Amino acid sequence: LPALLIGNRFTVDCDISRCFPSIYTHALDWAVLGKEVAK
C-alpha cells in the first residue's frame, strides 16, 4: 500500500456482481486456452 499511494490522489473501489454465482464454467476453458481456441 505505501508504495501504491506515491504519485496518486484517488482510489477507485469496484466489486464484481455476484462473482461466484455468475462465473460461466466454460470461461474456465477460455481462461486456460484463450476464448477463440477454446470455442
ModelCIF file with pLDDT and N, C-alpha, C, O atoms, coordinates in Angstrom:
data_MODEL
#
_entry.id   MODEL 
#
_entity.id                         1 
_entity.type                       polymer 
_entity.pdbx_number_of_molecules   1 
#
_entity_poly.entity_id                      1 
_entity_poly.type                           'polypeptide(L)' 
_entity_poly.nstd_linkage                   no 
_entity_poly.nstd_monomer                   no 
_entity_poly.pdbx_seq_one_letter_code       LPALLIGNRFTVDCDISRCFPSIYTHALDWAVLGKEVAK 
_entity_poly.pdbx_seq_one_letter_code_can   LPALLIGNRFTVDCDISRCFPSIYTHALDWAVLGKEVAK 
_entity_poly.pdbx_strand_id                 A 
#
loop_
_entity_poly_seq.entity_id 
_entity_poly_seq.num 
_entity_poly_seq.mon_id 
_entity_poly_seq.hetero 
1 1  LEU n 
1 2  PRO n 
1 3  ALA n 
1 4  LEU n 
1 5  LEU n 
1 6  ILE n 
1 7  GLY n 
1 8  ASN n 
1 9  ARG n 
1 10 PHE n 
1 11 THR n 
1 12 VAL n 
1 13 ASP n 
1 14 CYS n 
1 15 ASP n 
1 16 ILE n 
1 17 SER n 
1 18 ARG n 
1 19 CYS n 
1 20 PHE n 
1 21 PRO n 
1 22 SER n 
1 23 ILE n 
1 24 TYR n 
1 25 THR n 
1 26 HIS n 
1 27 ALA n 
1 28 LEU n 
1 29 ASP n 
1 30 TRP n 
1 31 ALA n 
1 32 VAL n 
1 33 LEU n 
1 34 GLY n 
1 35 LYS n 
1 36 GLU n 
1 37 VAL n 
1 38 ALA n 
1 39 LYS n 
#
_struct_asym.id          A 
_struct_asym.entity_id   1 
#
loop_
_ma_qa_metric.id 
_ma_qa_metric.mode 
_ma_qa_metric.name 
_ma_qa_metric.software_group_id 
_ma_qa_metric.type 
1 global pLDDT . pLDDT 
2 local  pLDDT . pLDDT 
#
_ma_qa_metric_global.metric_id      1 
_ma_qa_metric_global.metric_value   87.82 
_ma_qa_metric_global.model_id       1 
_ma_qa_metric_global.ordinal_id     1 
#
loop_
_ma_qa_metric_local.label_asym_id 
_ma_qa_metric_local.label_comp_id 
_ma_qa_metric_local.label_seq_id 
_ma_qa_metric_local.metric_id 
_ma_qa_metric_local.metric_value 
_ma_qa_metric_local.model_id 
_ma_qa_metric_local.ordinal_id 
A LEU 1  2 72.00 1 1  
A PRO 2  2 75.00 1 2  
A ALA 3  2 78.00 1 3  
A LEU 4  2 83.00 1 4  
A LEU 5  2 82.00 1 5  
A ILE 6  2 82.00 1 6  
A GLY 7  2 83.00 1 7  
A ASN 8  2 88.00 1 8  
A ARG 9  2 90.00 1 9  
A PHE 10 2 93.00 1 10 
A THR 11 2 93.00 1 11 
A VAL 12 2 95.00 1 12 
A ASP 13 2 94.00 1 13 
A CYS 14 2 96.00 1 14 
A ASP 15 2 95.00 1 15 
A ILE 16 2 97.00 1 16 
A SER 17 2 95.00 1 17 
A ARG 18 2 93.00 1 18 
A CYS 19 2 96.00 1 19 
A PHE 20 2 96.00 1 20 
A PRO 21 2 95.00 1 21 
A SER 22 2 96.00 1 22 
A ILE 23 2 96.00 1 23 
A TYR 24 2 94.00 1 24 
A THR 25 2 94.00 1 25 
A HIS 26 2 92.00 1 26 
A ALA 27 2 94.00 1 27 
A LEU 28 2 94.00 1 28 
A ASP 29 2 92.00 1 29 
A TRP 30 2 91.00 1 30 
A ALA 31 2 92.00 1 31 
A VAL 32 2 91.00 1 32 
A LEU 33 2 88.00 1 33 
A GLY 34 2 83.00 1 34 
A LYS 35 2 74.00 1 35 
A GLU 36 2 73.00 1 36 
A VAL 37 2 74.00 1 37 
A ALA 38 2 68.00 1 38 
A LYS 39 2 68.00 1 39 
#
loop_
_atom_site.group_PDB 
_atom_site.id 
_atom_site.type_symbol 
_atom_site.label_atom_id 
_atom_site.label_alt_id 
_atom_site.label_comp_id 
_atom_site.label_asym_id 
_atom_site.label_entity_id 
_atom_site.label_seq_id 
_atom_site.pdbx_PDB_ins_code 
_atom_site.Cartn_x 
_atom_site.Cartn_y 
_atom_site.Cartn_z 
_atom_site.occupancy 
_atom_site.B_iso_or_equiv 
_atom_site.pdbx_formal_charge 
_atom_site.auth_seq_id 
_atom_site.auth_comp_id 
_atom_site.auth_asym_id 
_atom_site.auth_atom_id 
_atom_site.pdbx_PDB_model_num 
ATOM 1   N N  . LEU A 1 1  ? 0.792   -1.225  0.000   1.00 72.00 ? 1  LEU A N  1 
ATOM 2   C CA . LEU A 1 1  ? 0.000   0.000   0.000   1.00 72.00 ? 1  LEU A CA 1 
ATOM 3   C C  . LEU A 1 1  ? 0.832   1.285   0.000   1.00 72.00 ? 1  LEU A C  1 
ATOM 4   O O  . LEU A 1 1  ? 0.563   2.161   -0.823  1.00 72.00 ? 1  LEU A O  1 
ATOM 5   N N  . PRO A 1 2  ? 1.827   1.445   0.879   1.00 75.00 ? 2  PRO A N  1 
ATOM 6   C CA . PRO A 1 2  ? 2.570   2.722   0.866   1.00 75.00 ? 2  PRO A CA 1 
ATOM 7   C C  . PRO A 1 2  ? 3.157   3.065   -0.504  1.00 75.00 ? 2  PRO A C  1 
ATOM 8   O O  . PRO A 1 2  ? 3.131   4.220   -0.930  1.00 75.00 ? 2  PRO A O  1 
ATOM 9   N N  . ALA A 1 3  ? 3.686   2.050   -1.186  1.00 78.00 ? 3  ALA A N  1 
ATOM 10  C CA . ALA A 1 3  ? 4.279   2.308   -2.497  1.00 78.00 ? 3  ALA A CA 1 
ATOM 11  C C  . ALA A 1 3  ? 3.211   2.664   -3.531  1.00 78.00 ? 3  ALA A C  1 
ATOM 12  O O  . ALA A 1 3  ? 3.459   3.472   -4.427  1.00 78.00 ? 3  ALA A O  1 
ATOM 13  N N  . LEU A 1 4  ? 2.016   2.061   -3.410  1.00 83.00 ? 4  LEU A N  1 
ATOM 14  C CA . LEU A 1 4  ? 0.951   2.348   -4.363  1.00 83.00 ? 4  LEU A CA 1 
ATOM 15  C C  . LEU A 1 4  ? 0.404   3.760   -4.201  1.00 83.00 ? 4  LEU A C  1 
ATOM 16  O O  . LEU A 1 4  ? -0.117  4.340   -5.154  1.00 83.00 ? 4  LEU A O  1 
ATOM 17  N N  . LEU A 1 5  ? 0.521   4.312   -3.005  1.00 82.00 ? 5  LEU A N  1 
ATOM 18  C CA . LEU A 1 5  ? -0.014  5.647   -2.754  1.00 82.00 ? 5  LEU A CA 1 
ATOM 19  C C  . LEU A 1 5  ? 0.812   6.735   -3.428  1.00 82.00 ? 5  LEU A C  1 
ATOM 20  O O  . LEU A 1 5  ? 0.280   7.782   -3.796  1.00 82.00 ? 5  LEU A O  1 
ATOM 21  N N  . ILE A 1 6  ? 2.109   6.494   -3.590  1.00 82.00 ? 6  ILE A N  1 
ATOM 22  C CA . ILE A 1 6  ? 3.008   7.528   -4.100  1.00 82.00 ? 6  ILE A CA 1 
ATOM 23  C C  . ILE A 1 6  ? 2.614   7.920   -5.529  1.00 82.00 ? 6  ILE A C  1 
ATOM 24  O O  . ILE A 1 6  ? 2.516   7.068   -6.412  1.00 82.00 ? 6  ILE A O  1 
ATOM 25  N N  . GLY A 1 7  ? 2.393   9.207   -5.737  1.00 83.00 ? 7  GLY A N  1 
ATOM 26  C CA . GLY A 1 7  ? 2.058   9.718   -7.069  1.00 83.00 ? 7  GLY A CA 1 
ATOM 27  C C  . GLY A 1 7  ? 0.597   9.594   -7.430  1.00 83.00 ? 7  GLY A C  1 
ATOM 28  O O  . GLY A 1 7  ? 0.225   9.875   -8.569  1.00 83.00 ? 7  GLY A O  1 
ATOM 29  N N  . ASN A 1 8  ? -0.245  9.181   -6.497  1.00 88.00 ? 8  ASN A N  1 
ATOM 30  C CA . ASN A 1 8  ? -1.673  9.032   -6.780  1.00 88.00 ? 8  ASN A CA 1 
ATOM 31  C C  . ASN A 1 8  ? -2.505  9.837   -5.795  1.00 88.00 ? 8  ASN A C  1 
ATOM 32  O O  . ASN A 1 8  ? -2.103  10.026  -4.647  1.00 88.00 ? 8  ASN A O  1 
ATOM 33  N N  . ARG A 1 9  ? -3.670  10.316  -6.242  1.00 90.00 ? 9  ARG A N  1 
ATOM 34  C CA . ARG A 1 9  ? -4.521  11.158  -5.397  1.00 90.00 ? 9  ARG A CA 1 
ATOM 35  C C  . ARG A 1 9  ? -5.931  10.611  -5.218  1.00 90.00 ? 9  ARG A C  1 
ATOM 36  O O  . ARG A 1 9  ? -6.712  11.157  -4.438  1.00 90.00 ? 9  ARG A O  1 
ATOM 37  N N  . PHE A 1 10 ? -6.270  9.523   -5.942  1.00 93.00 ? 10 PHE A N  1 
ATOM 38  C CA . PHE A 1 10 ? -7.630  8.993   -5.878  1.00 93.00 ? 10 PHE A CA 1 
ATOM 39  C C  . PHE A 1 10 ? -7.607  7.470   -5.746  1.00 93.00 ? 10 PHE A C  1 
ATOM 40  O O  . PHE A 1 10 ? -6.663  6.805   -6.173  1.00 93.00 ? 10 PHE A O  1 
ATOM 41  N N  . THR A 1 11 ? -8.653  6.948   -5.151  1.00 93.00 ? 11 THR A N  1 
ATOM 42  C CA . THR A 1 11 ? -8.854  5.495   -5.131  1.00 93.00 ? 11 THR A CA 1 
ATOM 43  C C  . THR A 1 11 ? -10.165 5.172   -5.840  1.00 93.00 ? 11 THR A C  1 
ATOM 44  O O  . THR A 1 11 ? -11.118 5.951   -5.815  1.00 93.00 ? 11 THR A O  1 
ATOM 45  N N  . VAL A 1 12 ? -10.183 4.006   -6.469  1.00 95.00 ? 12 VAL A N  1 
ATOM 46  C CA . VAL A 1 12 ? -11.385 3.501   -7.129  1.00 95.00 ? 12 VAL A CA 1 
ATOM 47  C C  . VAL A 1 12 ? -11.732 2.160   -6.499  1.00 95.00 ? 12 VAL A C  1 
ATOM 48  O O  . VAL A 1 12 ? -10.905 1.248   -6.499  1.00 95.00 ? 12 VAL A O  1 
ATOM 49  N N  . ASP A 1 13 ? -12.933 2.024   -5.967  1.00 94.00 ? 13 ASP A N  1 
ATOM 50  C CA . ASP A 1 13 ? -13.400 0.765   -5.385  1.00 94.00 ? 13 ASP A CA 1 
ATOM 51  C C  . ASP A 1 13 ? -14.475 0.170   -6.273  1.00 94.00 ? 13 ASP A C  1 
ATOM 52  O O  . ASP A 1 13 ? -15.472 0.822   -6.582  1.00 94.00 ? 13 ASP A O  1 
ATOM 53  N N  . CYS A 1 14 ? -14.264 -1.087  -6.686  1.00 96.00 ? 14 CYS A N  1 
ATOM 54  C CA . CYS A 1 14 ? -15.225 -1.804  -7.531  1.00 96.00 ? 14 CYS A CA 1 
ATOM 55  C C  . CYS A 1 14 ? -15.417 -3.214  -6.991  1.00 96.00 ? 14 CYS A C  1 
ATOM 56  O O  . CYS A 1 14 ? -14.542 -3.775  -6.331  1.00 96.00 ? 14 CYS A O  1 
ATOM 57  N N  . ASP A 1 15 ? -16.576 -3.763  -7.289  1.00 95.00 ? 15 ASP A N  1 
ATOM 58  C CA . ASP A 1 15 ? -16.935 -5.083  -6.786  1.00 95.00 ? 15 ASP A CA 1 
ATOM 59  C C  . ASP A 1 15 ? -17.578 -5.867  -7.924  1.00 95.00 ? 15 ASP A C  1 
ATOM 60  O O  . ASP A 1 15 ? -18.407 -5.327  -8.656  1.00 95.00 ? 15 ASP A O  1 
ATOM 61  N N  . ILE A 1 16 ? -17.203 -7.140  -8.080  1.00 97.00 ? 16 ILE A N  1 
ATOM 62  C CA . ILE A 1 16 ? -17.834 -7.979  -9.099  1.00 97.00 ? 16 ILE A CA 1 
ATOM 63  C C  . ILE A 1 16 ? -19.212 -8.386  -8.601  1.00 97.00 ? 16 ILE A C  1 
ATOM 64  O O  . ILE A 1 16 ? -19.355 -8.878  -7.482  1.00 97.00 ? 16 ILE A O  1 
ATOM 65  N N  . SER A 1 17 ? -20.208 -8.184  -9.420  1.00 95.00 ? 17 SER A N  1 
ATOM 66  C CA . SER A 1 17 ? -21.579 -8.509  -9.035  1.00 95.00 ? 17 SER A CA 1 
ATOM 67  C C  . SER A 1 17 ? -21.778 -10.019 -8.989  1.00 95.00 ? 17 SER A C  1 
ATOM 68  O O  . SER A 1 17 ? -21.615 -10.704 -9.999  1.00 95.00 ? 17 SER A O  1 
ATOM 69  N N  . ARG A 1 18 ? -22.135 -10.543 -7.799  1.00 93.00 ? 18 ARG A N  1 
ATOM 70  C CA . ARG A 1 18 ? -22.411 -11.970 -7.596  1.00 93.00 ? 18 ARG A CA 1 
ATOM 71  C C  . ARG A 1 18 ? -21.341 -12.814 -8.274  1.00 93.00 ? 18 ARG A C  1 
ATOM 72  O O  . ARG A 1 18 ? -21.628 -13.587 -9.188  1.00 93.00 ? 18 ARG A O  1 
ATOM 73  N N  . CYS A 1 19 ? -20.122 -12.655 -7.820  1.00 96.00 ? 19 CYS A N  1 
ATOM 74  C CA . CYS A 1 19 ? -18.970 -13.217 -8.523  1.00 96.00 ? 19 CYS A CA 1 
ATOM 75  C C  . CYS A 1 19 ? -19.084 -14.727 -8.769  1.00 96.00 ? 19 CYS A C  1 
ATOM 76  O O  . CYS A 1 19 ? -19.191 -15.148 -9.921  1.00 96.00 ? 19 CYS A O  1 
ATOM 77  N N  . PHE A 1 20 ? -19.065 -15.540 -7.723  1.00 96.00 ? 20 PHE A N  1 
ATOM 78  C CA . PHE A 1 20 ? -19.066 -16.991 -7.923  1.00 96.00 ? 20 PHE A CA 1 
ATOM 79  C C  . PHE A 1 20 ? -20.330 -17.482 -8.636  1.00 96.00 ? 20 PHE A C  1 
ATOM 80  O O  . PHE A 1 20 ? -20.226 -18.288 -9.561  1.00 96.00 ? 20 PHE A O  1 
ATOM 81  N N  . PRO A 1 21 ? -21.533 -17.015 -8.230  1.00 95.00 ? 21 PRO A N  1 
ATOM 82  C CA . PRO A 1 21 ? -22.736 -17.493 -8.924  1.00 95.00 ? 21 PRO A CA 1 
ATOM 83  C C  . PRO A 1 21 ? -22.788 -17.081 -10.397 1.00 95.00 ? 21 PRO A C  1 
ATOM 84  O O  . PRO A 1 21 ? -23.549 -17.661 -11.171 1.00 95.00 ? 21 PRO A O  1 
ATOM 85  N N  . SER A 1 22 ? -21.984 -16.083 -10.791 1.00 96.00 ? 22 SER A N  1 
ATOM 86  C CA . SER A 1 22 ? -22.030 -15.595 -12.184 1.00 96.00 ? 22 SER A CA 1 
ATOM 87  C C  . SER A 1 22 ? -20.949 -16.205 -13.061 1.00 96.00 ? 22 SER A C  1 
ATOM 88  O O  . SER A 1 22 ? -20.977 -16.026 -14.279 1.00 96.00 ? 22 SER A O  1 
ATOM 89  N N  . ILE A 1 23 ? -20.000 -16.921 -12.475 1.00 96.00 ? 23 ILE A N  1 
ATOM 90  C CA . ILE A 1 23 ? -18.903 -17.470 -13.277 1.00 96.00 ? 23 ILE A CA 1 
ATOM 91  C C  . ILE A 1 23 ? -19.434 -18.563 -14.206 1.00 96.00 ? 23 ILE A C  1 
ATOM 92  O O  . ILE A 1 23 ? -20.090 -19.508 -13.770 1.00 96.00 ? 23 ILE A O  1 
ATOM 93  N N  . TYR A 1 24 ? -19.141 -18.414 -15.461 1.00 94.00 ? 24 TYR A N  1 
ATOM 94  C CA . TYR A 1 24 ? -19.556 -19.342 -16.515 1.00 94.00 ? 24 TYR A CA 1 
ATOM 95  C C  . TYR A 1 24 ? -18.513 -20.451 -16.565 1.00 94.00 ? 24 TYR A C  1 
ATOM 96  O O  . TYR A 1 24 ? -17.330 -20.173 -16.762 1.00 94.00 ? 24 TYR A O  1 
ATOM 97  N N  . THR A 1 25 ? -18.932 -21.706 -16.390 1.00 94.00 ? 25 THR A N  1 
ATOM 98  C CA . THR A 1 25 ? -17.943 -22.784 -16.307 1.00 94.00 ? 25 THR A CA 1 
ATOM 99  C C  . THR A 1 25 ? -17.112 -22.899 -17.580 1.00 94.00 ? 25 THR A C  1 
ATOM 100 O O  . THR A 1 25 ? -15.940 -23.270 -17.528 1.00 94.00 ? 25 THR A O  1 
ATOM 101 N N  . HIS A 1 26 ? -17.724 -22.576 -18.737 1.00 92.00 ? 26 HIS A N  1 
ATOM 102 C CA . HIS A 1 26 ? -16.941 -22.606 -19.986 1.00 92.00 ? 26 HIS A CA 1 
ATOM 103 C C  . HIS A 1 26 ? -15.817 -21.571 -19.950 1.00 92.00 ? 26 HIS A C  1 
ATOM 104 O O  . HIS A 1 26 ? -14.814 -21.710 -20.650 1.00 92.00 ? 26 HIS A O  1 
ATOM 105 N N  . ALA A 1 27 ? -15.992 -20.526 -19.122 1.00 94.00 ? 27 ALA A N  1 
ATOM 106 C CA . ALA A 1 27 ? -14.954 -19.493 -19.038 1.00 94.00 ? 27 ALA A CA 1 
ATOM 107 C C  . ALA A 1 27 ? -13.665 -20.036 -18.431 1.00 94.00 ? 27 ALA A C  1 
ATOM 108 O O  . ALA A 1 27 ? -12.603 -19.442 -18.623 1.00 94.00 ? 27 ALA A O  1 
ATOM 109 N N  . LEU A 1 28 ? -13.733 -21.151 -17.702 1.00 94.00 ? 28 LEU A N  1 
ATOM 110 C CA . LEU A 1 28 ? -12.506 -21.785 -17.201 1.00 94.00 ? 28 LEU A CA 1 
ATOM 111 C C  . LEU A 1 28 ? -11.645 -22.240 -18.367 1.00 94.00 ? 28 LEU A C  1 
ATOM 112 O O  . LEU A 1 28 ? -10.428 -22.058 -18.368 1.00 94.00 ? 28 LEU A O  1 
ATOM 113 N N  . ASP A 1 29 ? -12.296 -22.833 -19.358 1.00 92.00 ? 29 ASP A N  1 
ATOM 114 C CA . ASP A 1 29 ? -11.597 -23.261 -20.565 1.00 92.00 ? 29 ASP A CA 1 
ATOM 115 C C  . ASP A 1 29 ? -11.044 -22.050 -21.315 1.00 92.00 ? 29 ASP A C  1 
ATOM 116 O O  . ASP A 1 29 ? -9.931  -22.089 -21.839 1.00 92.00 ? 29 ASP A O  1 
ATOM 117 N N  . TRP A 1 30 ? -11.842 -20.962 -21.361 1.00 91.00 ? 30 TRP A N  1 
ATOM 118 C CA . TRP A 1 30 ? -11.376 -19.742 -22.022 1.00 91.00 ? 30 TRP A CA 1 
ATOM 119 C C  . TRP A 1 30 ? -10.132 -19.181 -21.329 1.00 91.00 ? 30 TRP A C  1 
ATOM 120 O O  . TRP A 1 30 ? -9.188  -18.743 -21.985 1.00 91.00 ? 30 TRP A O  1 
ATOM 121 N N  . ALA A 1 31 ? -10.146 -19.202 -20.005 1.00 92.00 ? 31 ALA A N  1 
ATOM 122 C CA . ALA A 1 31 ? -9.032  -18.626 -19.238 1.00 92.00 ? 31 ALA A CA 1 
ATOM 123 C C  . ALA A 1 31 ? -7.744  -19.408 -19.456 1.00 92.00 ? 31 ALA A C  1 
ATOM 124 O O  . ALA A 1 31 ? -6.654  -18.842 -19.376 1.00 92.00 ? 31 ALA A O  1 
ATOM 125 N N  . VAL A 1 32 ? -7.861  -20.701 -19.729 1.00 91.00 ? 32 VAL A N  1 
ATOM 126 C CA . VAL A 1 32 ? -6.675  -21.538 -19.924 1.00 91.00 ? 32 VAL A CA 1 
ATOM 127 C C  . VAL A 1 32 ? -6.159  -21.445 -21.354 1.00 91.00 ? 32 VAL A C  1 
ATOM 128 O O  . VAL A 1 32 ? -4.961  -21.274 -21.578 1.00 91.00 ? 32 VAL A O  1 
ATOM 129 N N  . LEU A 1 33 ? -7.059  -21.558 -22.312 1.00 88.00 ? 33 LEU A N  1 
ATOM 130 C CA . LEU A 1 33 ? -6.650  -21.660 -23.721 1.00 88.00 ? 33 LEU A CA 1 
ATOM 131 C C  . LEU A 1 33 ? -6.771  -20.354 -24.495 1.00 88.00 ? 33 LEU A C  1 
ATOM 132 O O  . LEU A 1 33 ? -6.146  -20.186 -25.542 1.00 88.00 ? 33 LEU A O  1 
ATOM 133 N N  . GLY A 1 34 ? -7.574  -19.431 -23.980 1.00 83.00 ? 34 GLY A N  1 
ATOM 134 C CA . GLY A 1 34 ? -7.978  -18.276 -24.779 1.00 83.00 ? 34 GLY A CA 1 
ATOM 135 C C  . GLY A 1 34 ? -9.349  -18.574 -25.363 1.00 83.00 ? 34 GLY A C  1 
ATOM 136 O O  . GLY A 1 34 ? -9.639  -19.713 -25.731 1.00 83.00 ? 34 GLY A O  1 
ATOM 137 N N  . LYS A 1 35 ? -10.187 -17.557 -25.448 1.00 74.00 ? 35 LYS A N  1 
ATOM 138 C CA . LYS A 1 35 ? -11.592 -17.769 -25.798 1.00 74.00 ? 35 LYS A CA 1 
ATOM 139 C C  . LYS A 1 35 ? -11.764 -18.370 -27.189 1.00 74.00 ? 35 LYS A C  1 
ATOM 140 O O  . LYS A 1 35 ? -12.554 -19.298 -27.366 1.00 74.00 ? 35 LYS A O  1 
ATOM 141 N N  . GLU A 1 36 ? -11.041 -17.858 -28.169 1.00 73.00 ? 36 GLU A N  1 
ATOM 142 C CA . GLU A 1 36 ? -11.221 -18.336 -29.543 1.00 73.00 ? 36 GLU A CA 1 
ATOM 143 C C  . GLU A 1 36 ? -10.780 -19.784 -29.691 1.00 73.00 ? 36 GLU A C  1 
ATOM 144 O O  . GLU A 1 36 ? -11.466 -20.583 -30.328 1.00 73.00 ? 36 GLU A O  1 
ATOM 145 N N  . VAL A 1 37 ? -9.634  -20.123 -29.102 1.00 74.00 ? 37 VAL A N  1 
ATOM 146 C CA . VAL A 1 37 ? -9.137  -21.507 -29.197 1.00 74.00 ? 37 VAL A CA 1 
ATOM 147 C C  . VAL A 1 37 ? -10.090 -22.458 -28.492 1.00 74.00 ? 37 VAL A C  1 
ATOM 148 O O  . VAL A 1 37 ? -10.391 -23.538 -29.001 1.00 74.00 ? 37 VAL A O  1 
ATOM 149 N N  . ALA A 1 38 ? -10.565 -22.051 -27.313 1.00 68.00 ? 38 ALA A N  1 
ATOM 150 C CA . ALA A 1 38 ? -11.471 -22.904 -26.548 1.00 68.00 ? 38 ALA A CA 1 
ATOM 151 C C  . ALA A 1 38 ? -12.774 -23.151 -27.299 1.00 68.00 ? 38 ALA A C  1 
ATOM 152 O O  . ALA A 1 38 ? -13.302 -24.263 -27.274 1.00 68.00 ? 38 ALA A O  1 
ATOM 153 N N  . LYS A 1 39 ? -13.304 -22.107 -27.979 1.00 68.00 ? 39 LYS A N  1 
ATOM 154 C CA . LYS A 1 39 ? -14.564 -22.272 -28.689 1.00 68.00 ? 39 LYS A CA 1 
ATOM 155 C C  . LYS A 1 39 ? -14.424 -23.187 -29.903 1.00 68.00 ? 39 LYS A C  1 
ATOM 156 O O  . LYS A 1 39 ? -15.403 -23.427 -30.610 1.00 68.00 ? 39 LYS A O  1 
#
